[in-house]
Amino acid sequence: MKSTPDWFMYFIGFWTIVLVLFMCVGGFFMFRKFLKVLPKSDGKSKLDWQNYWVERSRELWTEESKAMLRKLVSPVPGPFRDIASHSIAAKIGQIAVESGSTEVTKDHCIEGYIRATPPRDYRSLVDFLEKNQIDYTAYRHLLNK
């Protein structure tokens, strides 16, 4: 009886490791999504609040502010752009509604973009704003937290 060649065993071992790593990465992102759906102390989850602020501010968005949002989320990789756009739009909408504004302005977009971005991504956020010549000096204090 002929045994399996060594190279084939290494091939199977390599693909086993690759598949386990892919499943771990996928599981990590699924777990993060699961945490967003869990209700907080007020009974609503993070996703519920995002949906609330997007719906509450829907009529405040102008074509200019929508274009600004699209520009701000342009560096986000394609598969994640819709999710990032929704969470950033929720923060922008919250800021616009709480300020009592009648429409979402460029300033609301910049402030919401900074507040919705995790601190670990501030370096790339600043690089993007400077590259696109977007003035964020009024909100520089938010980047120092």
Protein backbone atom coordinates (compact mmCIF):
# COMPACT_ATOMS: atom_id res chain seq x y z
CA MET A 1 0.00 0.00 0.00
CA LYS A 2 1.32 3.41 -1.00
CA SER A 3 1.40 6.17 1.64
CA THR A 4 0.38 9.79 1.08
CA PRO A 5 3.27 11.97 -0.14
CA ASP A 6 4.73 14.40 2.38
CA TRP A 7 4.04 17.45 0.21
CA PHE A 8 0.33 16.60 0.18
CA MET A 9 0.21 16.40 3.97
CA TYR A 10 1.86 19.83 4.19
CA PHE A 11 -0.64 21.13 1.63
CA ILE A 12 -3.58 19.85 3.73
CA GLY A 13 -2.01 21.27 6.92
CA PHE A 14 -1.48 24.68 5.28
CA TRP A 15 -5.10 24.91 4.09
CA THR A 16 -6.39 23.75 7.46
CA ILE A 17 -4.53 26.63 9.13
CA VAL A 18 -5.77 29.12 6.51
CA LEU A 19 -9.40 28.03 6.93
CA VAL A 20 -9.21 28.19 10.73
CA LEU A 21 -7.72 31.71 10.52
CA PHE A 22 -10.48 32.85 8.14
CA MET A 23 -13.14 31.43 10.46
CA CYS A 24 -11.55 33.24 13.43
CA VAL A 25 -11.53 36.57 11.58
CA GLY A 26 -15.14 36.10 10.47
CA GLY A 27 -16.16 35.10 13.99
CA PHE A 28 -14.50 38.21 15.39
CA PHE A 29 -16.54 40.50 13.13
CA MET A 30 -19.73 38.57 13.81
CA PHE A 31 -19.11 38.89 17.55
CA ARG A 32 -18.59 42.65 17.21
CA LYS A 33 -21.89 42.91 15.34
CA PHE A 34 -23.57 40.82 18.06
CA LEU A 35 -22.29 43.24 20.73
CA LYS A 36 -23.83 46.18 18.83
CA VAL A 37 -27.24 44.50 18.93
CA LEU A 38 -27.25 43.87 22.68
CA PRO A 39 -29.48 46.32 24.56
CA LYS A 40 -27.81 48.86 26.83
CA SER A 41 -29.11 50.08 30.19
CA ASP A 42 -31.75 52.25 28.48
CA GLY A 43 -33.20 49.22 26.65
CA LYS A 44 -31.95 50.21 23.20
CA SER A 45 -28.92 48.84 21.41
CA LYS A 46 -26.25 50.85 19.63
CA LEU A 47 -27.85 49.94 16.29
CA ASP A 48 -31.28 51.05 17.56
CA TRP A 49 -29.85 54.45 18.45
CA GLN A 50 -28.09 54.73 15.09
CA ASN A 51 -31.35 53.97 13.27
CA TYR A 52 -33.19 56.46 15.49
CA TRP A 53 -30.83 59.32 14.72
CA VAL A 54 -30.73 58.55 11.00
CA GLU A 55 -34.53 58.54 10.79
CA ARG A 56 -34.91 61.60 13.03
CA SER A 57 -32.51 63.66 10.90
CA ARG A 58 -33.54 62.34 7.46
CA GLU A 59 -35.32 65.56 6.40
CA LEU A 60 -32.36 67.72 7.50
CA TRP A 61 -29.98 66.29 4.90
CA THR A 62 -29.30 68.38 1.79
CA GLU A 63 -27.61 67.25 -1.41
CA GLU A 64 -24.48 69.15 -0.32
CA SER A 65 -24.34 67.38 3.05
CA LYS A 66 -24.95 63.98 1.41
CA ALA A 67 -22.07 64.68 -0.98
CA MET A 68 -19.89 65.65 1.98
CA LEU A 69 -20.77 62.38 3.74
CA ARG A 70 -19.88 60.39 0.60
CA LYS A 71 -16.57 62.24 0.42
CA LEU A 72 -15.81 61.56 4.08
CA VAL A 73 -16.46 57.81 3.81
CA SER A 74 -14.57 57.44 0.52
CA PRO A 75 -11.37 56.09 2.19
CA VAL A 76 -13.34 53.25 3.84
CA PRO A 77 -12.96 49.97 1.92
CA GLY A 78 -15.97 49.20 -0.29
CA PRO A 79 -17.44 46.26 1.65
CA PHE A 80 -17.54 48.32 4.87
CA ARG A 81 -18.53 51.68 3.36
CA ASP A 82 -22.31 51.31 3.84
CA ILE A 83 -21.94 50.39 7.51
CA ALA A 84 -19.46 53.23 8.11
CA SER A 85 -21.70 55.67 6.26
CA HIS A 86 -24.69 54.69 8.40
CA SER A 87 -22.87 55.06 11.72
CA ILE A 88 -21.28 58.38 10.69
CA ALA A 89 -24.62 59.67 9.37
CA ALA A 90 -26.21 58.74 12.70
CA LYS A 91 -23.64 60.75 14.65
CA ILE A 92 -23.94 63.70 12.23
CA GLY A 93 -27.74 63.55 12.49
CA GLN A 94 -27.59 63.44 16.27
CA ILE A 95 -25.37 66.53 16.36
CA ALA A 96 -27.62 68.40 13.91
CA VAL A 97 -30.86 67.52 15.76
CA GLU A 98 -29.46 68.28 19.22
CA SER A 99 -28.15 71.64 18.03
CA GLY A 100 -31.63 72.56 16.76
CA SER A 101 -30.42 73.13 13.22
CA THR A 102 -32.80 73.20 10.27
CA GLU A 103 -30.33 71.36 8.02
CA VAL A 104 -27.14 69.34 8.19
CA THR A 105 -24.20 71.61 7.45
CA LYS A 106 -20.58 70.98 6.52
CA ASP A 107 -19.59 71.72 10.12
CA HIS A 108 -22.01 69.09 11.40
CA CYS A 109 -20.47 66.62 8.95
CA ILE A 110 -16.91 67.31 10.05
CA GLU A 111 -17.74 67.17 13.76
CA GLY A 112 -19.83 64.00 13.34
CA TYR A 113 -17.10 62.38 11.27
CA ILE A 114 -14.52 63.05 13.99
CA ARG A 115 -16.83 61.92 16.82
CA ALA A 116 -17.87 58.73 14.98
CA THR A 117 -14.26 57.74 14.22
CA PRO A 118 -12.52 55.55 16.81
CA PRO A 119 -9.41 57.14 18.37
CA ARG A 120 -7.14 54.47 16.84
CA ASP A 121 -8.00 55.87 13.39
CA TYR A 122 -7.35 59.54 14.16
CA ARG A 123 -4.02 59.60 12.33
CA SER A 124 -5.58 58.47 9.04
CA LEU A 125 -8.57 60.77 9.67
CA VAL A 126 -6.30 63.81 10.00
CA ASP A 127 -4.29 62.76 6.93
CA PHE A 128 -7.52 62.46 4.92
CA LEU A 129 -8.85 65.84 6.08
CA GLU A 130 -5.55 67.59 5.32
CA LYS A 131 -5.19 65.86 1.94
CA ASN A 132 -8.67 67.07 0.95
CA GLN A 133 -8.04 70.54 2.42
CA ILE A 134 -10.96 70.29 4.84
CA ASP A 135 -10.62 72.76 7.72
CA TYR A 136 -11.06 70.93 11.02
CA THR A 137 -9.32 73.43 13.33
CA ALA A 138 -12.56 74.15 15.24
CA TYR A 139 -12.74 70.44 16.17
CA ARG A 140 -9.05 69.75 16.81
CA HIS A 141 -9.81 69.50 20.54
CA LEU A 142 -11.91 66.37 19.84
CA LEU A 143 -8.83 64.61 18.50
CA ASN A 144 -6.92 65.05 21.77
CA LYS A 145 -9.23 62.90 23.88
